Every structure is written in C-alpha cells, then in structure tokens.
C-alpha cells in the first residue's frame, strides 16, 4: 500500500509561526553570531575582542564611567564585565580607580593608549555598512528600530 503524503497545512493558522525561519529570536540570534564573526578580523588589528570593543565604545563616548554604569549600558553582569575589564587593563588600554567620593565605586578611565585606539576604530562602521550592502543611514534606522523593540521587550517583561 503506497504511503500517502502528509500535508504541512493545518487547520490551526498559528502552526506556520512555529517555523524556524519565522522566528524573530532566531533571526536576531543568528544575525548576532554573523555580526560577531564579521567584527573579528576588523578588531584583530586593534587587539580587541567584540565584547572588549563594546566596553571601549562606551568609554570613548564618555571616559571615567563606573563599572555599574558600564554593566547597565552593555547589559552585562559584573561576573562577565570584570574579566573583560581586567584584560583591557592588562593591555594598558584602561585603568580602574576607586572613586574619591565613594570608595565602594570603581571608575574606569581610558589610558593614552586607549584614547589613541579610537582613531584606529573609525573605519569599522563603514566596513560594516559595506559588508551589509546598507548605507550608514539604513543601519542607523535599523539600529533605532532594534532599540525600540528591545525597550518593548523589556517593558513587557516588567509587566
């Protein structure tokens, strides 16, 4: 007796949303992996890993930030952030100092080498734009929308 073909259609329209390629979470996850892979050769001349680059971006925006501020900006806990900061300090790109007004707070400052590294990073955004076939305005719009989505996710999780 010949086997009958099973249909992939179903009476429940929600079934189609269980396909992997329709999952926003997978699109974001796999894109993040691809992005990290793309950054690796761009960051190698700077001697930075992708997470270290993110720390440097925050410090290039405003030097002298507290460890807790860095953790909030990067959505990293101290157990993840502390080893990153130690490695950057060993590379002489940052220095950690106890805050004068509150000994419990540790502030992170760029060294001269850390400030100088910023100039080497200036072309990274344009390399990214080239690799994505997007212009910088398109990437900026996508980035804004992703920030909005993240904020909505966080709001939904808080409710």
N, C-alpha and C. Protein backbone atom coordinates (compact mmCIF):
# COMPACT_ATOMS: atom_id res chain seq x y z
N UNK A 1 0.85 -1.17 0.00
CA UNK A 1 0.00 0.00 0.00
C UNK A 1 0.89 1.24 0.00
N UNK A 2 0.73 2.14 -0.96
CA UNK A 2 1.58 3.33 -1.03
C UNK A 2 1.32 4.28 0.13
N UNK A 3 2.39 4.90 0.55
CA UNK A 3 2.27 5.89 1.63
C UNK A 3 1.61 7.14 1.09
N UNK A 4 0.80 7.71 1.89
CA UNK A 4 0.18 8.98 1.50
C UNK A 4 1.07 10.12 1.96
N UNK A 5 1.11 11.16 1.17
CA UNK A 5 1.89 12.33 1.55
C UNK A 5 1.17 13.05 2.67
N UNK A 6 1.95 13.46 3.63
CA UNK A 6 1.34 14.22 4.72
C UNK A 6 1.39 15.69 4.35
N UNK A 7 0.34 16.35 4.58
CA UNK A 7 0.25 17.76 4.25
C UNK A 7 0.87 18.59 5.37
N UNK A 8 1.55 19.64 4.99
CA UNK A 8 2.12 20.54 6.00
C UNK A 8 1.12 21.62 6.40
N UNK A 9 0.01 21.65 5.70
CA UNK A 9 -1.00 22.63 6.09
C UNK A 9 -1.80 22.07 7.25
N UNK A 10 -2.29 22.94 8.03
CA UNK A 10 -3.04 22.53 9.21
C UNK A 10 -4.23 23.48 9.38
N UNK A 11 -5.15 23.04 10.16
CA UNK A 11 -6.32 23.87 10.41
C UNK A 11 -5.99 25.05 11.32
N UNK A 12 -4.90 24.94 12.09
CA UNK A 12 -4.53 25.99 13.02
C UNK A 12 -3.52 26.94 12.36
N UNK A 13 -3.91 28.17 12.05
CA UNK A 13 -3.01 29.10 11.36
C UNK A 13 -1.77 29.47 12.19
N UNK A 14 -1.81 29.22 13.48
CA UNK A 14 -0.65 29.52 14.33
C UNK A 14 0.52 28.59 14.05
N UNK A 15 0.24 27.43 13.45
CA UNK A 15 1.28 26.44 13.18
C UNK A 15 2.41 27.02 12.34
N UNK A 16 2.08 27.85 11.36
CA UNK A 16 3.12 28.40 10.48
C UNK A 16 4.13 29.24 11.24
N UNK A 17 3.72 29.80 12.37
CA UNK A 17 4.62 30.63 13.16
C UNK A 17 5.60 29.82 13.99
N UNK A 18 5.49 28.50 13.93
CA UNK A 18 6.45 27.65 14.62
C UNK A 18 7.59 27.22 13.71
N UNK A 19 7.67 27.78 12.52
CA UNK A 19 8.78 27.51 11.62
C UNK A 19 9.98 28.36 12.04
N UNK A 20 11.14 27.74 12.04
CA UNK A 20 12.36 28.41 12.50
C UNK A 20 12.61 29.73 11.78
N UNK A 21 12.46 29.76 10.48
CA UNK A 21 12.75 30.97 9.72
C UNK A 21 11.75 32.10 9.96
N UNK A 22 10.69 31.84 10.67
CA UNK A 22 9.72 32.88 11.02
C UNK A 22 9.96 33.43 12.43
N UNK A 23 10.95 32.91 13.11
CA UNK A 23 11.20 33.30 14.49
C UNK A 23 12.11 34.52 14.55
N UNK A 24 11.61 35.60 15.11
CA UNK A 24 12.42 36.80 15.31
C UNK A 24 13.62 36.47 16.19
N UNK A 25 13.42 35.68 17.21
CA UNK A 25 14.50 35.34 18.12
C UNK A 25 15.66 34.68 17.38
N UNK A 26 15.35 33.77 16.45
CA UNK A 26 16.41 33.10 15.70
C UNK A 26 17.06 34.06 14.71
N UNK A 27 16.29 34.91 14.09
CA UNK A 27 16.87 35.89 13.16
C UNK A 27 17.85 36.81 13.90
N UNK A 28 17.48 37.26 15.09
CA UNK A 28 18.37 38.11 15.88
C UNK A 28 19.60 37.33 16.36
N UNK A 29 19.38 36.12 16.84
CA UNK A 29 20.48 35.29 17.35
C UNK A 29 21.48 34.98 16.24
N UNK A 30 21.00 34.49 15.11
CA UNK A 30 21.91 34.11 14.03
C UNK A 30 22.57 35.35 13.42
N UNK A 31 21.87 36.47 13.38
CA UNK A 31 22.48 37.71 12.90
C UNK A 31 23.57 38.18 13.86
N UNK A 32 23.33 38.02 15.14
CA UNK A 32 24.33 38.40 16.13
C UNK A 32 25.60 37.55 15.97
N UNK A 33 25.43 36.26 15.76
CA UNK A 33 26.58 35.39 15.54
C UNK A 33 27.35 35.82 14.29
N UNK A 34 26.63 36.11 13.22
CA UNK A 34 27.26 36.53 11.97
C UNK A 34 27.98 37.87 12.16
N UNK A 35 27.37 38.77 12.91
CA UNK A 35 27.97 40.08 13.16
C UNK A 35 29.27 39.92 13.95
N UNK A 36 29.26 39.10 14.97
CA UNK A 36 30.46 38.89 15.76
C UNK A 36 31.57 38.31 14.90
N UNK A 37 31.21 37.40 14.01
CA UNK A 37 32.18 36.81 13.09
C UNK A 37 32.75 37.88 12.14
N UNK A 38 31.91 38.77 11.69
CA UNK A 38 32.33 39.86 10.80
C UNK A 38 33.29 40.81 11.52
N UNK A 39 33.02 41.09 12.78
CA UNK A 39 33.85 42.02 13.54
C UNK A 39 35.24 41.47 13.86
N UNK A 40 35.36 40.16 13.97
CA UNK A 40 36.63 39.56 14.41
C UNK A 40 37.83 40.06 13.61
N UNK A 41 37.83 39.97 12.27
CA UNK A 41 39.01 40.47 11.54
C UNK A 41 39.13 42.00 11.58
N UNK A 42 38.04 42.71 11.78
CA UNK A 42 38.11 44.17 11.88
C UNK A 42 38.75 44.61 13.19
N UNK A 43 38.52 43.82 14.24
CA UNK A 43 39.03 44.17 15.57
C UNK A 43 40.42 43.61 15.85
N UNK A 44 40.82 42.61 15.07
CA UNK A 44 42.13 41.98 15.30
C UNK A 44 43.28 42.99 15.28
N UNK A 45 43.32 43.93 14.31
CA UNK A 45 44.42 44.91 14.33
C UNK A 45 44.41 45.80 15.58
N UNK A 46 43.26 45.93 16.22
CA UNK A 46 43.16 46.74 17.43
C UNK A 46 43.49 45.92 18.67
N UNK A 47 43.58 44.60 18.51
CA UNK A 47 43.86 43.71 19.64
C UNK A 47 42.68 43.55 20.56
N UNK A 48 41.45 43.72 20.03
CA UNK A 48 40.25 43.66 20.85
C UNK A 48 39.34 42.52 20.42
N UNK A 49 38.66 41.96 21.40
CA UNK A 49 37.55 41.06 21.11
C UNK A 49 36.31 41.92 20.95
N UNK A 50 35.24 41.32 20.47
CA UNK A 50 34.00 42.08 20.30
C UNK A 50 33.49 42.64 21.64
N UNK A 51 33.41 41.84 22.72
CA UNK A 51 32.96 42.42 23.99
C UNK A 51 33.88 43.54 24.50
N UNK A 52 35.19 43.41 24.28
CA UNK A 52 36.11 44.47 24.69
C UNK A 52 35.86 45.74 23.87
N UNK A 53 35.58 45.56 22.59
CA UNK A 53 35.25 46.70 21.72
C UNK A 53 34.03 47.44 22.24
N UNK A 54 33.02 46.71 22.69
CA UNK A 54 31.82 47.34 23.23
C UNK A 54 32.15 48.19 24.46
N UNK A 55 33.00 47.67 25.34
CA UNK A 55 33.43 48.44 26.51
C UNK A 55 34.12 49.72 26.06
N UNK A 56 35.02 49.58 25.09
CA UNK A 56 35.76 50.75 24.61
C UNK A 56 34.81 51.77 23.98
N UNK A 57 33.80 51.32 23.27
CA UNK A 57 32.83 52.25 22.68
C UNK A 57 32.19 53.12 23.76
N UNK A 58 31.79 52.49 24.86
CA UNK A 58 31.15 53.25 25.94
C UNK A 58 32.14 54.27 26.52
N UNK A 59 33.38 53.84 26.71
CA UNK A 59 34.38 54.75 27.27
C UNK A 59 34.78 55.84 26.29
N UNK A 60 34.78 55.55 25.01
CA UNK A 60 35.09 56.59 24.02
C UNK A 60 33.98 57.64 23.99
N UNK A 61 32.75 57.24 24.33
CA UNK A 61 31.65 58.20 24.42
C UNK A 61 31.85 59.12 25.61
N UNK A 62 32.22 58.54 26.75
CA UNK A 62 32.41 59.31 27.98
C UNK A 62 33.35 58.54 28.90
N UNK A 63 34.51 59.09 29.08
CA UNK A 63 35.54 58.46 29.91
C UNK A 63 35.18 58.59 31.39
N UNK A 64 35.73 57.70 32.20
CA UNK A 64 35.54 57.80 33.64
C UNK A 64 34.19 57.29 34.11
N UNK A 65 33.70 56.25 33.50
CA UNK A 65 32.40 55.67 33.88
C UNK A 65 32.60 54.61 34.96
N UNK A 66 31.59 54.46 35.79
CA UNK A 66 31.66 53.43 36.84
C UNK A 66 31.44 52.05 36.22
N UNK A 67 31.92 51.05 36.93
CA UNK A 67 31.72 49.67 36.47
C UNK A 67 30.23 49.37 36.37
N UNK A 68 29.45 49.85 37.32
CA UNK A 68 28.00 49.58 37.26
C UNK A 68 27.36 50.26 36.05
N UNK A 69 27.82 51.46 35.70
CA UNK A 69 27.30 52.15 34.51
C UNK A 69 27.63 51.33 33.26
N UNK A 70 28.87 50.86 33.16
CA UNK A 70 29.26 50.04 32.01
C UNK A 70 28.37 48.80 31.93
N UNK A 71 28.15 48.15 33.05
CA UNK A 71 27.29 46.95 33.08
C UNK A 71 25.89 47.25 32.60
N UNK A 72 25.33 48.38 33.03
CA UNK A 72 23.99 48.76 32.59
C UNK A 72 23.95 49.05 31.10
N UNK A 73 24.91 49.82 30.61
CA UNK A 73 24.93 50.18 29.19
C UNK A 73 25.09 48.96 28.29
N UNK A 74 25.87 47.98 28.75
CA UNK A 74 26.18 46.81 27.93
C UNK A 74 25.32 45.60 28.25
N UNK A 75 24.43 45.75 29.23
CA UNK A 75 23.59 44.63 29.68
C UNK A 75 24.44 43.44 30.10
N UNK A 76 25.49 43.73 30.84
CA UNK A 76 26.39 42.68 31.34
C UNK A 76 26.42 42.69 32.86
N UNK A 77 26.47 41.52 33.46
CA UNK A 77 26.61 41.46 34.91
C UNK A 77 28.09 41.59 35.27
N UNK A 78 28.36 41.83 36.54
CA UNK A 78 29.74 42.06 36.96
C UNK A 78 30.62 40.83 36.76
N UNK A 79 30.05 39.64 36.83
CA UNK A 79 30.82 38.42 36.61
C UNK A 79 31.35 38.30 35.20
N UNK A 80 30.66 38.91 34.25
CA UNK A 80 31.10 38.92 32.86
C UNK A 80 31.98 40.13 32.59
N UNK A 81 31.62 41.26 33.16
CA UNK A 81 32.31 42.51 32.89
C UNK A 81 33.70 42.57 33.54
N UNK A 82 33.83 42.08 34.76
CA UNK A 82 35.10 42.18 35.48
C UNK A 82 36.26 41.54 34.73
N UNK A 83 36.13 40.31 34.21
CA UNK A 83 37.26 39.75 33.45
C UNK A 83 37.59 40.55 32.18
N UNK A 84 36.56 41.11 31.53
CA UNK A 84 36.80 41.97 30.37
C UNK A 84 37.65 43.18 30.75
N UNK A 85 37.28 43.80 31.85
CA UNK A 85 38.00 44.99 32.30
C UNK A 85 39.43 44.64 32.71
N UNK A 86 39.62 43.49 33.34
CA UNK A 86 40.97 43.07 33.73
C UNK A 86 41.85 42.89 32.50
N UNK A 87 41.31 42.28 31.45
CA UNK A 87 42.10 42.08 30.24
C UNK A 87 42.42 43.41 29.56
N UNK A 88 41.46 44.32 29.54
CA UNK A 88 41.73 45.65 28.96
C UNK A 88 42.78 46.40 29.78
N UNK A 89 42.75 46.20 31.09
CA UNK A 89 43.74 46.83 31.95
C UNK A 89 45.12 46.21 31.70
N UNK A 90 45.18 44.91 31.52
CA UNK A 90 46.45 44.24 31.22
C UNK A 90 47.03 44.71 29.88
N UNK A 91 46.15 45.09 28.96
CA UNK A 91 46.58 45.62 27.66
C UNK A 91 46.94 47.11 27.75
N UNK A 92 46.83 47.67 28.93
CA UNK A 92 47.14 49.08 29.20
C UNK A 92 46.24 50.03 28.41
N UNK A 93 44.97 49.61 28.19
CA UNK A 93 44.00 50.46 27.50
C UNK A 93 43.10 51.21 28.46
N UNK A 94 42.94 50.66 29.65
CA UNK A 94 42.11 51.30 30.69
C UNK A 94 42.83 51.19 32.03
N UNK A 95 42.34 51.98 32.96
CA UNK A 95 42.77 51.82 34.35
C UNK A 95 41.55 51.94 35.24
N UNK A 96 41.56 51.15 36.30
CA UNK A 96 40.47 51.18 37.28
C UNK A 96 40.92 52.00 38.48
N UNK A 97 40.03 52.88 38.92
CA UNK A 97 40.33 53.71 40.10
C UNK A 97 39.12 53.73 41.02
N UNK A 98 39.40 53.69 42.30
CA UNK A 98 38.34 53.86 43.30
C UNK A 98 37.87 55.31 43.25
N UNK A 99 36.57 55.50 43.30
CA UNK A 99 36.01 56.86 43.27
C UNK A 99 36.40 57.58 44.55
N UNK A 100 36.77 58.83 44.44
CA UNK A 100 37.18 59.59 45.61
C UNK A 100 36.01 59.88 46.54
N UNK A 101 34.82 60.03 45.96
CA UNK A 101 33.66 60.35 46.78
C UNK A 101 32.96 59.13 47.35
N UNK A 102 33.29 57.94 46.84
CA UNK A 102 32.66 56.70 47.32
C UNK A 102 33.61 55.54 47.04
N UNK A 103 34.31 55.10 48.08
CA UNK A 103 35.31 54.04 47.95
C UNK A 103 34.74 52.73 47.41
N UNK A 104 33.44 52.56 47.51
CA UNK A 104 32.83 51.31 47.02
C UNK A 104 32.73 51.29 45.50
N UNK A 105 32.75 52.47 44.88
CA UNK A 105 32.58 52.57 43.43
C UNK A 105 33.94 52.55 42.73
N UNK A 106 34.01 51.77 41.67
CA UNK A 106 35.21 51.73 40.84
C UNK A 106 34.88 52.39 39.51
N UNK A 107 35.69 53.37 39.14
CA UNK A 107 35.51 54.06 37.87
C UNK A 107 36.58 53.59 36.89
N UNK A 108 36.22 53.58 35.63
CA UNK A 108 37.11 53.10 34.57
C UNK A 108 37.51 54.29 33.70
N UNK A 109 38.80 54.43 33.49
CA UNK A 109 39.34 55.52 32.69
C UNK A 109 40.21 54.97 31.56
N UNK A 110 40.13 55.63 30.42
CA UNK A 110 40.99 55.29 29.31
C UNK A 110 42.42 55.75 29.60
N UNK A 111 43.37 54.96 29.18
CA UNK A 111 44.77 55.39 29.21
C UNK A 111 45.03 56.15 27.91
N UNK A 112 46.18 56.78 27.78
CA UNK A 112 46.50 57.40 26.49
C UNK A 112 46.43 56.40 25.33
N UNK A 113 46.89 55.17 25.55
CA UNK A 113 46.81 54.14 24.50
C UNK A 113 45.36 53.81 24.18
N UNK A 114 44.49 53.80 25.18
CA UNK A 114 43.07 53.53 24.96
C UNK A 114 42.40 54.63 24.17
N UNK A 115 42.77 55.88 24.46
CA UNK A 115 42.22 57.01 23.69
C UNK A 115 42.74 56.97 22.25
N UNK A 116 44.00 56.64 22.08
CA UNK A 116 44.61 56.59 20.74
C UNK A 116 43.98 55.49 19.88
N UNK A 117 43.56 54.41 20.50
CA UNK A 117 42.96 53.28 19.77
C UNK A 117 41.68 53.69 19.05
N UNK A 118 41.01 54.70 19.56
CA UNK A 118 39.76 55.18 18.95
C UNK A 118 39.97 55.57 17.48
N UNK A 119 41.06 56.22 17.19
CA UNK A 119 41.34 56.63 15.81
C UNK A 119 41.45 55.42 14.88
N UNK A 120 41.97 54.31 15.40
CA UNK A 120 42.09 53.09 14.59
C UNK A 120 40.73 52.45 14.35
N UNK A 121 39.76 52.77 15.18
CA UNK A 121 38.43 52.15 15.07
C UNK A 121 37.48 52.94 14.17
N UNK A 122 37.88 54.10 13.73
CA UNK A 122 36.98 54.99 13.00
C UNK A 122 36.38 54.38 11.72
N UNK A 123 37.09 53.50 11.07
CA UNK A 123 36.60 52.93 9.81
C UNK A 123 35.73 51.69 10.00
N UNK A 124 35.63 51.19 11.21
CA UNK A 124 34.86 49.96 11.43
C UNK A 124 33.39 50.11 11.02
N UNK A 125 32.68 51.19 11.37
CA UNK A 125 31.28 51.30 10.94
C UNK A 125 31.10 51.27 9.42
N UNK A 126 32.00 51.90 8.69
CA UNK A 126 31.85 51.89 7.23
C UNK A 126 32.13 50.50 6.65
N UNK A 127 33.06 49.75 7.27
CA UNK A 127 33.30 48.37 6.84
C UNK A 127 32.04 47.52 7.07
N UNK A 128 31.39 47.76 8.19
CA UNK A 128 30.16 47.04 8.49
C UNK A 128 29.08 47.37 7.47
N UNK A 129 28.93 48.64 7.17
CA UNK A 129 27.93 49.07 6.18
C UNK A 129 28.21 48.42 4.84
N UNK A 130 29.46 48.38 4.44
CA UNK A 130 29.84 47.76 3.16
C UNK A 130 29.49 46.27 3.17
N UNK A 131 29.77 45.59 4.26
CA UNK A 131 29.51 44.16 4.35
C UNK A 131 28.02 43.84 4.32
N UNK A 132 27.19 44.78 4.73
CA UNK A 132 25.75 44.54 4.77
C UNK A 132 25.03 45.08 3.54
N UNK A 133 25.75 45.75 2.66
CA UNK A 133 25.15 46.40 1.49
C UNK A 133 24.13 47.46 1.90
N UNK A 134 24.31 48.01 3.08
CA UNK A 134 23.47 49.10 3.58
C UNK A 134 24.32 50.35 3.69
N UNK A 135 23.68 51.49 3.57
CA UNK A 135 24.42 52.71 3.86
C UNK A 135 24.28 52.99 5.36
N UNK A 136 25.06 53.94 5.84
CA UNK A 136 25.05 54.22 7.28
C UNK A 136 23.69 54.70 7.78
N UNK A 137 22.94 55.43 6.95
CA UNK A 137 21.60 55.87 7.34
C UNK A 137 20.66 54.68 7.53
N UNK A 138 20.76 53.70 6.63
CA UNK A 138 19.92 52.50 6.76
C UNK A 138 20.28 51.72 8.02
N UNK A 139 21.57 51.61 8.29
CA UNK A 139 21.99 50.91 9.52
C UNK A 139 21.52 51.67 10.76
N UNK A 140 21.57 53.00 10.71
CA UNK A 140 21.12 53.79 11.84
C UNK A 140 19.62 53.59 12.08
N UNK A 141 18.84 53.55 11.01
CA UNK A 141 17.39 53.33 11.14
C UNK A 141 17.10 51.94 11.71
N UNK A 142 17.81 50.94 11.23
CA UNK A 142 17.63 49.58 11.74
C UNK A 142 18.02 49.52 13.22
N UNK A 143 19.12 50.16 13.55
CA UNK A 143 19.58 50.17 14.95
C UNK A 143 18.54 50.83 15.85
N UNK A 144 17.98 51.97 15.40
CA UNK A 144 16.93 52.65 16.20
C UNK A 144 15.74 51.72 16.41
N UNK A 145 15.32 51.04 15.35
CA UNK A 145 14.16 50.15 15.47
C UNK A 145 14.45 48.99 16.41
N UNK A 146 15.65 48.44 16.36
CA UNK A 146 16.01 47.36 17.28
C UNK A 146 16.03 47.85 18.72
N UNK A 147 16.48 49.09 18.94
CA UNK A 147 16.44 49.66 20.30
C UNK A 147 14.99 49.78 20.78
N UNK A 148 14.11 50.20 19.89
CA UNK A 148 12.69 50.31 20.25
C UNK A 148 12.12 48.93 20.60
N UNK A 149 12.43 47.95 19.79
CA UNK A 149 11.94 46.59 20.05
C UNK A 149 12.47 46.07 21.39
N UNK A 150 13.76 46.29 21.64
CA UNK A 150 14.34 45.86 22.93
C UNK A 150 13.62 46.52 24.09
N UNK A 151 13.35 47.81 23.97
CA UNK A 151 12.65 48.53 25.05
C UNK A 151 11.26 47.95 25.27
N UNK A 152 10.58 47.61 24.17
CA UNK A 152 9.25 46.99 24.28
C UNK A 152 9.33 45.63 24.93
N UNK A 153 10.35 44.85 24.59
CA UNK A 153 10.54 43.54 25.22
C UNK A 153 10.77 43.71 26.72
N UNK A 154 11.63 44.66 27.08
CA UNK A 154 11.92 44.88 28.50
C UNK A 154 10.69 45.36 29.25
N UNK A 155 9.91 46.22 28.61
CA UNK A 155 8.67 46.69 29.24
C UNK A 155 7.70 45.53 29.43
N UNK A 156 7.59 44.68 28.41
CA UNK A 156 6.71 43.51 28.52
C UNK A 156 7.15 42.55 29.60
N UNK A 157 8.47 42.41 29.79
CA UNK A 157 8.99 41.51 30.81
C UNK A 157 8.74 42.08 32.21
N UNK A 158 8.69 43.43 32.31
CA UNK A 158 8.46 44.07 33.60
C UNK A 158 7.00 44.03 34.00
N UNK A 159 6.11 43.90 33.04
CA UNK A 159 4.66 43.90 33.34
C UNK A 159 4.22 42.62 34.01
